[in-house]
Amino acid sequence: MKKIFIAAIALPFITWLCYVSLFAAAAASIVNQIPDPARGAYQAWLNDVPQETYTDHEGTSGEPYSGGSIPKDGYTGPVSFACILPPQYGYLTDTYGTYRGGNYVHSGIDFGCYGREDLPVYTPYGGKVVFAGWSRVGYGNLVVIENNGVQVYLAHNSELWVAPGDIVTAGTPIGRCGSTGNSTGPHVHFEVRLWNEREERWKPVDPNAIWLPGQSADCSWYHLKEELP
């Protein structure tokens, strides 16, 4: 009777252990078959890395989403600006201010990459890389560049080519276009945040409504377009 009781307790545990072992082996096998640029996103999914959440929003209802803020570095250096399409080839897929649910609106501009994840992404603004890695909210593989009270976000990359502390100039390639994080297809989320001294926080702004430091003429972000060769 005692043996039967022990077996009844042990059997579910052994079954669970076998299941976990098989799942881990299958996951490892899949990771090895995934191209390098996509492995980070897959492993983040396996590890249950948090994705987009509007509970992390720092503003009030109706404001552009401002969650996942990167702390102010305070870097002030030579400025450079280029009115360029962030992906090497791309087209407008979403504008600043689009309603996104939860009473928040889109905090940047999206440029599609023709379904490709091999296209370089260039920064239109020069400064210090203050963040390069996996975002704790929905930006996926994110690069944030700061200079003179401005932060520029370049999100959803499949691969990153810069690291925190790097100093970059406008036009520098920072990674490859991707669909990591909260994304339905390869694109670049381009976002500009200004430091609000009174509120002591970063606030997203419409890139079409301001001139960045170093910018000397209007840049119509909604009309930038370059077809694939």
C-alpha atoms as a PDB file:
ATOM      1  CA  MET A   1       0.000   0.000   0.000  1.00  0.00           C
ATOM      2  CA  LYS A   2       2.859   2.329   0.902  1.00  0.00           C
ATOM      3  CA  LYS A   3       4.528   1.708  -2.458  1.00  0.00           C
ATOM      4  CA  ILE A   4       1.311   2.495  -4.310  1.00  0.00           C
ATOM      5  CA  PHE A   5       0.965   5.754  -2.366  1.00  0.00           C
ATOM      6  CA  ILE A   6       4.546   6.808  -3.184  1.00  0.00           C
ATOM      7  CA  ALA A   7       4.042   5.928  -6.846  1.00  0.00           C
ATOM      8  CA  ALA A   8       0.848   7.981  -6.976  1.00  0.00           C
ATOM      9  CA  ILE A   9       2.738  11.013  -5.688  1.00  0.00           C
ATOM     10  CA  ALA A  10       5.864  10.509  -7.777  1.00  0.00           C
ATOM     11  CA  LEU A  11       4.195   9.820 -11.135  1.00  0.00           C
ATOM     12  CA  PRO A  12       2.771  13.350 -11.663  1.00  0.00           C
ATOM     13  CA  PHE A  13       6.122  14.868 -10.692  1.00  0.00           C
ATOM     14  CA  ILE A  14       8.050  12.626 -13.094  1.00  0.00           C
ATOM     15  CA  THR A  15       5.562  13.422 -15.869  1.00  0.00           C
ATOM     16  CA  TRP A  16       5.938  17.163 -15.229  1.00  0.00           C
ATOM     17  CA  LEU A  17       9.731  16.877 -15.203  1.00  0.00           C
ATOM     18  CA  CYS A  18       9.700  15.042 -18.542  1.00  0.00           C
ATOM     19  CA  TYR A  19       7.417  17.701 -20.032  1.00  0.00           C
ATOM     20  CA  VAL A  20       9.657  20.545 -18.888  1.00  0.00           C
ATOM     21  CA  SER A  21      12.758  18.768 -20.216  1.00  0.00           C
ATOM     22  CA  LEU A  22      11.142  18.148 -23.606  1.00  0.00           C
ATOM     23  CA  PHE A  23       9.931  21.764 -23.817  1.00  0.00           C
ATOM     24  CA  ALA A  24      13.405  23.108 -22.986  1.00  0.00           C
ATOM     25  CA  ALA A  25      15.005  20.838 -25.571  1.00  0.00           C
ATOM     26  CA  ALA A  26      12.468  21.866 -28.219  1.00  0.00           C
ATOM     27  CA  ALA A  27      12.920  25.564 -27.409  1.00  0.00           C
ATOM     28  CA  ALA A  28      16.708  25.284 -27.618  1.00  0.00           C
ATOM     29  CA  SER A  29      16.392  23.488 -30.946  1.00  0.00           C
ATOM     30  CA  ILE A  30      14.138  26.231 -32.315  1.00  0.00           C
ATOM     31  CA  VAL A  31      16.460  29.013 -31.099  1.00  0.00           C
ATOM     32  CA  ASN A  32      19.370  27.402 -32.946  1.00  0.00           C
ATOM     33  CA  GLN A  33      17.367  27.478 -36.175  1.00  0.00           C
ATOM     34  CA  ILE A  34      16.327  31.130 -35.887  1.00  0.00           C
ATOM     35  CA  PRO A  35      18.490  33.736 -37.664  1.00  0.00           C
ATOM     36  CA  ASP A  36      20.723  35.691 -35.262  1.00  0.00           C
ATOM     37  CA  PRO A  37      18.826  39.024 -35.563  1.00  0.00           C
ATOM     38  CA  ALA A  38      15.572  37.379 -34.440  1.00  0.00           C
ATOM     39  CA  ARG A  39      16.910  35.325 -31.551  1.00  0.00           C
ATOM     40  CA  GLY A  40      16.735  38.141 -29.025  1.00  0.00           C
ATOM     41  CA  ALA A  41      13.005  38.636 -29.488  1.00  0.00           C
ATOM     42  CA  TYR A  42      12.325  34.880 -29.319  1.00  0.00           C
ATOM     43  CA  GLN A  43      14.377  34.453 -26.153  1.00  0.00           C
ATOM     44  CA  ALA A  44      12.621  37.466 -24.631  1.00  0.00           C
ATOM     45  CA  TRP A  45       9.308  35.731 -25.321  1.00  0.00           C
ATOM     46  CA  LEU A  46      10.560  32.510 -23.724  1.00  0.00           C
ATOM     47  CA  ASN A  47      11.637  34.478 -20.645  1.00  0.00           C
ATOM     48  CA  ASP A  48       8.282  36.254 -20.477  1.00  0.00           C
ATOM     49  CA  VAL A  49       9.855  39.706 -20.874  1.00  0.00           C
ATOM     50  CA  PRO A  50       7.074  42.299 -20.372  1.00  0.00           C
ATOM     51  CA  GLN A  51       5.690  43.858 -23.523  1.00  0.00           C
ATOM     52  CA  GLU A  52       3.721  47.028 -24.200  1.00  0.00           C
ATOM     53  CA  THR A  53       1.680  48.159 -21.223  1.00  0.00           C
ATOM     54  CA  TYR A  54      -0.140  51.433 -20.837  1.00  0.00           C
ATOM     55  CA  THR A  55      -0.041  51.147 -17.051  1.00  0.00           C
ATOM     56  CA  ASP A  56       3.531  52.435 -17.271  1.00  0.00           C
ATOM     57  CA  HIS A  57       2.434  55.719 -18.825  1.00  0.00           C
ATOM     58  CA  GLU A  58       3.883  58.761 -17.027  1.00  0.00           C
ATOM     59  CA  GLY A  59       1.452  61.326 -18.382  1.00  0.00           C
ATOM     60  CA  THR A  60      -2.275  61.868 -18.110  1.00  0.00           C
ATOM     61  CA  SER A  61      -5.070  60.338 -20.146  1.00  0.00           C
ATOM     62  CA  GLY A  62      -5.128  61.687 -23.699  1.00  0.00           C
ATOM     63  CA  GLU A  63      -1.412  62.504 -23.779  1.00  0.00           C
ATOM     64  CA  PRO A  64       1.109  60.749 -26.031  1.00  0.00           C
ATOM     65  CA  TYR A  65       2.387  57.529 -24.491  1.00  0.00           C
ATOM     66  CA  SER A  66       5.504  58.207 -22.411  1.00  0.00           C
ATOM     67  CA  GLY A  67       6.140  54.927 -20.627  1.00  0.00           C
ATOM     68  CA  GLY A  68       9.522  53.275 -20.315  1.00  0.00           C
ATOM     69  CA  SER A  69      11.345  56.580 -19.977  1.00  0.00           C
ATOM     70  CA  ILE A  70      15.131  56.498 -20.080  1.00  0.00           C
ATOM     71  CA  PRO A  71      16.679  58.560 -17.253  1.00  0.00           C
ATOM     72  CA  LYS A  72      18.202  61.880 -18.192  1.00  0.00           C
ATOM     73  CA  ASP A  73      21.939  61.621 -18.860  1.00  0.00           C
ATOM     74  CA  GLY A  74      22.483  65.361 -19.272  1.00  0.00           C
ATOM     75  CA  TYR A  75      24.808  64.982 -22.246  1.00  0.00           C
ATOM     76  CA  THR A  76      25.473  68.176 -24.192  1.00  0.00           C
ATOM     77  CA  GLY A  77      27.795  67.936 -27.147  1.00  0.00           C
ATOM     78  CA  PRO A  78      28.181  68.853 -30.823  1.00  0.00           C
ATOM     79  CA  VAL A  79      24.806  68.709 -32.565  1.00  0.00           C
ATOM     80  CA  SER A  80      24.084  67.244 -35.968  1.00  0.00           C
ATOM     81  CA  PHE A  81      20.832  66.730 -37.815  1.00  0.00           C
ATOM     82  CA  ALA A  82      19.811  65.113 -41.097  1.00  0.00           C
ATOM     83  CA  CYS A  83      16.337  65.146 -42.630  1.00  0.00           C
ATOM     84  CA  ILE A  84      16.483  61.470 -43.615  1.00  0.00           C
ATOM     85  CA  LEU A  85      14.201  58.463 -43.565  1.00  0.00           C
ATOM     86  CA  PRO A  86      15.268  56.382 -40.523  1.00  0.00           C
ATOM     87  CA  PRO A  87      15.184  53.037 -42.413  1.00  0.00           C
ATOM     88  CA  GLN A  88      17.309  52.786 -45.544  1.00  0.00           C
ATOM     89  CA  TYR A  89      14.129  52.246 -47.548  1.00  0.00           C
ATOM     90  CA  GLY A  90      10.693  52.842 -46.121  1.00  0.00           C
ATOM     91  CA  TYR A  91       7.315  54.528 -46.143  1.00  0.00           C
ATOM     92  CA  LEU A  92       4.959  56.144 -43.644  1.00  0.00           C
ATOM     93  CA  THR A  93       2.738  53.648 -41.798  1.00  0.00           C
ATOM     94  CA  ASP A  94       1.544  55.619 -38.755  1.00  0.00           C
ATOM     95  CA  THR A  95       1.584  59.219 -37.611  1.00  0.00           C
ATOM     96  CA  TYR A  96       2.085  61.021 -34.325  1.00  0.00           C
ATOM     97  CA  GLY A  97      -1.085  61.344 -32.239  1.00  0.00           C
ATOM     98  CA  THR A  98      -2.998  58.300 -33.524  1.00  0.00           C
ATOM     99  CA  TYR A  99      -5.346  56.867 -30.866  1.00  0.00           C
ATOM    100  CA  ARG A 100      -3.898  53.646 -29.485  1.00  0.00           C
ATOM    101  CA  GLY A 101      -6.260  52.575 -26.713  1.00  0.00           C
ATOM    102  CA  GLY A 102      -6.249  53.239 -23.008  1.00  0.00           C
ATOM    103  CA  ASN A 103      -6.922  56.906 -23.818  1.00  0.00           C
ATOM    104  CA  TYR A 104      -3.336  57.355 -24.997  1.00  0.00           C
ATOM    105  CA  VAL A 105      -2.066  58.321 -28.416  1.00  0.00           C
ATOM    106  CA  HIS A 106       0.864  57.263 -30.563  1.00  0.00           C
ATOM    107  CA  SER A 107       4.018  59.011 -29.396  1.00  0.00           C
ATOM    108  CA  GLY A 108       6.026  58.829 -32.608  1.00  0.00           C
ATOM    109  CA  ILE A 109       6.083  58.207 -36.341  1.00  0.00           C
ATOM    110  CA  ASP A 110       6.279  54.731 -37.879  1.00  0.00           C
ATOM    111  CA  PHE A 111       8.075  53.917 -41.113  1.00  0.00           C
ATOM    112  CA  GLY A 112       7.533  50.493 -42.696  1.00  0.00           C
ATOM    113  CA  CYS A 113      10.499  48.599 -44.108  1.00  0.00           C
ATOM    114  CA  TYR A 114       8.805  46.727 -46.981  1.00  0.00           C
ATOM    115  CA  GLY A 115       8.584  43.588 -44.854  1.00  0.00           C
ATOM    116  CA  ARG A 116      12.363  43.322 -44.587  1.00  0.00           C
ATOM    117  CA  GLU A 117      14.545  43.005 -41.496  1.00  0.00           C
ATOM    118  CA  ASP A 118      17.897  43.449 -43.240  1.00  0.00           C
ATOM    119  CA  LEU A 119      17.658  47.196 -43.915  1.00  0.00           C
ATOM    120  CA  PRO A 120      19.945  49.537 -41.936  1.00  0.00           C
ATOM    121  CA  VAL A 121      18.397  52.107 -39.597  1.00  0.00           C
ATOM    122  CA  TYR A 122      20.017  55.553 -39.438  1.00  0.00           C
ATOM    123  CA  THR A 123      19.705  58.160 -36.716  1.00  0.00           C
ATOM    124  CA  PRO A 124      18.568  61.605 -37.924  1.00  0.00           C
ATOM    125  CA  TYR A 125      20.049  63.162 -34.775  1.00  0.00           C
ATOM    126  CA  GLY A 126      23.542  63.043 -33.310  1.00  0.00           C
ATOM    127  CA  GLY A 127      24.447  62.678 -29.655  1.00  0.00           C
ATOM    128  CA  LYS A 128      25.184  60.103 -26.976  1.00  0.00           C
ATOM    129  CA  VAL A 129      23.640  56.638 -26.978  1.00  0.00           C
ATOM    130  CA  VAL A 130      22.054  56.495 -23.520  1.00  0.00           C
ATOM    131  CA  PHE A 131      20.207  53.221 -24.087  1.00  0.00           C
ATOM    132  CA  ALA A 132      20.680  50.301 -26.471  1.00  0.00           C
ATOM    133  CA  GLY A 133      18.939  47.062 -25.605  1.00  0.00           C
ATOM    134  CA  TRP A 134      15.650  45.350 -24.872  1.00  0.00           C
ATOM    135  CA  SER A 135      12.964  47.785 -23.731  1.00  0.00           C
ATOM    136  CA  ARG A 136      10.973  46.870 -20.632  1.00  0.00           C
ATOM    137  CA  VAL A 137       7.823  47.990 -22.441  1.00  0.00           C
ATOM    138  CA  GLY A 138       6.853  47.509 -26.083  1.00  0.00           C
ATOM    139  CA  TYR A 139       9.708  49.127 -27.989  1.00  0.00           C
ATOM    140  CA  GLY A 140      11.563  45.847 -28.502  1.00  0.00           C
ATOM    141  CA  ASN A 141      15.229  46.384 -29.309  1.00  0.00           C
ATOM    142  CA  LEU A 142      15.517  50.102 -28.658  1.00  0.00           C
ATOM    143  CA  VAL A 143      18.175  52.781 -29.198  1.00  0.00           C
ATOM    144  CA  VAL A 144      17.867  56.133 -27.431  1.00  0.00           C
ATOM    145  CA  ILE A 145      20.158  59.029 -28.330  1.00  0.00           C
ATOM    146  CA  GLU A 146      20.359  62.115 -26.113  1.00  0.00           C
ATOM    147  CA  ASN A 147      21.806  65.579 -26.708  1.00  0.00           C
ATOM    148  CA  ASN A 148      20.970  69.093 -25.511  1.00  0.00           C
ATOM    149  CA  GLY A 149      17.774  68.148 -23.684  1.00  0.00           C
ATOM    150  CA  VAL A 150      16.438  65.978 -26.508  1.00  0.00           C
ATOM    151  CA  GLN A 151      16.065  62.210 -26.697  1.00  0.00           C
ATOM    152  CA  VAL A 152      15.430  60.381 -29.972  1.00  0.00           C
ATOM    153  CA  TYR A 153      13.954  56.873 -29.893  1.00  0.00           C
ATOM    154  CA  LEU A 154      14.548  54.344 -32.695  1.00  0.00           C
ATOM    155  CA  ALA A 155      12.592  51.215 -31.841  1.00  0.00           C
ATOM    156  CA  HIS A 156      11.699  47.646 -32.900  1.00  0.00           C
ATOM    157  CA  ASN A 157      15.152  46.907 -34.356  1.00  0.00           C
ATOM    158  CA  SER A 158      16.059  43.321 -35.226  1.00  0.00           C
ATOM    159  CA  GLU A 159      19.728  43.982 -34.479  1.00  0.00           C
ATOM    160  CA  LEU A 160      21.661  46.728 -32.681  1.00  0.00           C
ATOM    161  CA  TRP A 161      25.001  48.125 -33.828  1.00  0.00           C
ATOM    162  CA  VAL A 162      25.647  50.670 -31.071  1.00  0.00           C
ATOM    163  CA  ALA A 163      26.145  50.485 -27.317  1.00  0.00           C
ATOM    164  CA  PRO A 164      25.458  52.838 -24.396  1.00  0.00           C
ATOM    165  CA  GLY A 165      28.114  55.532 -24.222  1.00  0.00           C
ATOM    166  CA  ASP A 166      28.752  55.667 -27.980  1.00  0.00           C
ATOM    167  CA  ILE A 167      28.802  59.145 -29.527  1.00  0.00           C
ATOM    168  CA  VAL A 168      27.090  59.169 -32.934  1.00  0.00           C
ATOM    169  CA  THR A 169      26.426  61.776 -35.608  1.00  0.00           C
ATOM    170  CA  ALA A 170      23.358  62.207 -37.780  1.00  0.00           C
ATOM    171  CA  GLY A 171      23.275  59.531 -40.470  1.00  0.00           C
ATOM    172  CA  THR A 172      25.080  56.903 -38.373  1.00  0.00           C
ATOM    173  CA  PRO A 173      23.623  53.373 -38.826  1.00  0.00           C
ATOM    174  CA  ILE A 174      22.493  52.126 -35.404  1.00  0.00           C
ATOM    175  CA  GLY A 175      21.019  48.738 -36.306  1.00  0.00           C
ATOM    176  CA  ARG A 176      18.640  46.888 -38.604  1.00  0.00           C
ATOM    177  CA  CYS A 177      14.923  47.380 -39.100  1.00  0.00           C
ATOM    178  CA  GLY A 178      12.840  44.798 -37.290  1.00  0.00           C
ATOM    179  CA  SER A 179       9.590  43.806 -35.654  1.00  0.00           C
ATOM    180  CA  THR A 180      10.635  43.218 -32.048  1.00  0.00           C
ATOM    181  CA  GLY A 181       8.454  44.270 -29.141  1.00  0.00           C
ATOM    182  CA  ASN A 182       4.889  45.406 -29.747  1.00  0.00           C
ATOM    183  CA  SER A 183       4.938  45.262 -33.535  1.00  0.00           C
ATOM    184  CA  THR A 184       2.948  43.675 -36.341  1.00  0.00           C
ATOM    185  CA  GLY A 185       5.642  43.936 -39.017  1.00  0.00           C
ATOM    186  CA  PRO A 186       9.135  45.289 -39.715  1.00  0.00           C
ATOM    187  CA  HIS A 187       9.184  49.037 -39.133  1.00  0.00           C
ATOM    188  CA  VAL A 188      11.016  51.838 -37.340  1.00  0.00           C
ATOM    189  CA  HIS A 189       9.269  53.754 -34.581  1.00  0.00           C
ATOM    190  CA  PHE A 190      10.861  57.225 -34.561  1.00  0.00           C
ATOM    191  CA  GLU A 191      10.112  59.309 -31.494  1.00  0.00           C
ATOM    192  CA  VAL A 192      11.335  62.611 -30.068  1.00  0.00           C
ATOM    193  CA  ARG A 193      11.120  63.495 -26.377  1.00  0.00           C
ATOM    194  CA  LEU A 194      11.992  66.858 -24.833  1.00  0.00           C
ATOM    195  CA  TRP A 195      13.070  67.348 -21.236  1.00  0.00           C
ATOM    196  CA  ASN A 196      10.427  69.257 -19.284  1.00  0.00           C
ATOM    197  CA  GLU A 197      12.320  71.066 -16.544  1.00  0.00           C
ATOM    198  CA  ARG A 198       9.219  72.046 -14.589  1.00  0.00           C
ATOM    199  CA  GLU A 199       7.826  68.504 -14.477  1.00  0.00           C
ATOM    200  CA  GLU A 200      11.289  66.899 -14.467  1.00  0.00           C
ATOM    201  CA  ARG A 201      10.406  64.277 -17.044  1.00  0.00           C
ATOM    202  CA  TRP A 202      10.720  63.512 -20.733  1.00  0.00           C
ATOM    203  CA  LYS A 203       7.663  64.370 -22.837  1.00  0.00           C
ATOM    204  CA  PRO A 204       7.066  63.121 -26.404  1.00  0.00           C
ATOM    205  CA  VAL A 205       6.487  65.804 -29.029  1.00  0.00           C
ATOM    206  CA  ASP A 206       5.429  65.830 -32.673  1.00  0.00           C
ATOM    207  CA  PRO A 207       8.693  65.845 -34.697  1.00  0.00           C
ATOM    208  CA  ASN A 208       6.893  67.918 -37.353  1.00  0.00           C
ATOM    209  CA  ALA A 209       6.103  70.644 -34.825  1.00  0.00           C
ATOM    210  CA  ILE A 210       9.656  71.416 -33.684  1.00  0.00           C
ATOM    211  CA  TRP A 211      13.170  71.944 -34.922  1.00  0.00           C
ATOM    212  CA  LEU A 212      15.803  69.798 -33.262  1.00  0.00           C
ATOM    213  CA  PRO A 213      19.130  71.348 -32.231  1.00  0.00           C
ATOM    214  CA  GLY A 214      21.252  71.557 -35.371  1.00  0.00           C
ATOM    215  CA  GLN A 215      18.217  71.606 -37.663  1.00  0.00           C
ATOM    216  CA  SER A 216      18.204  74.608 -39.996  1.00  0.00           C
ATOM    217  CA  ALA A 217      15.112  73.992 -42.136  1.00  0.00           C
ATOM    218  CA  ASP A 218      11.727  72.288 -41.981  1.00  0.00           C
ATOM    219  CA  CYS A 219      11.755  68.505 -42.306  1.00  0.00           C
ATOM    220  CA  SER A 220       8.444  67.014 -43.408  1.00  0.00           C
ATOM    221  CA  TRP A 221       8.661  63.593 -41.802  1.00  0.00           C
ATOM    222  CA  TYR A 222       5.358  62.486 -43.315  1.00  0.00           C
ATOM    223  CA  HIS A 223       6.583  62.988 -46.868  1.00  0.00           C
ATOM    224  CA  LEU A 224       9.917  61.231 -46.643  1.00  0.00           C
ATOM    225  CA  LYS A 225       9.829  58.129 -48.796  1.00  0.00           C
ATOM    226  CA  GLU A 226      12.305  55.989 -50.636  1.00  0.00           C
ATOM    227  CA  GLU A 227      11.379  52.984 -52.735  1.00  0.00           C
ATOM    228  CA  LEU A 228      13.393  49.799 -52.767  1.00  0.00           C
ATOM    229  CA  PRO A 229      15.960  49.725 -55.598  1.00  0.00           C
END
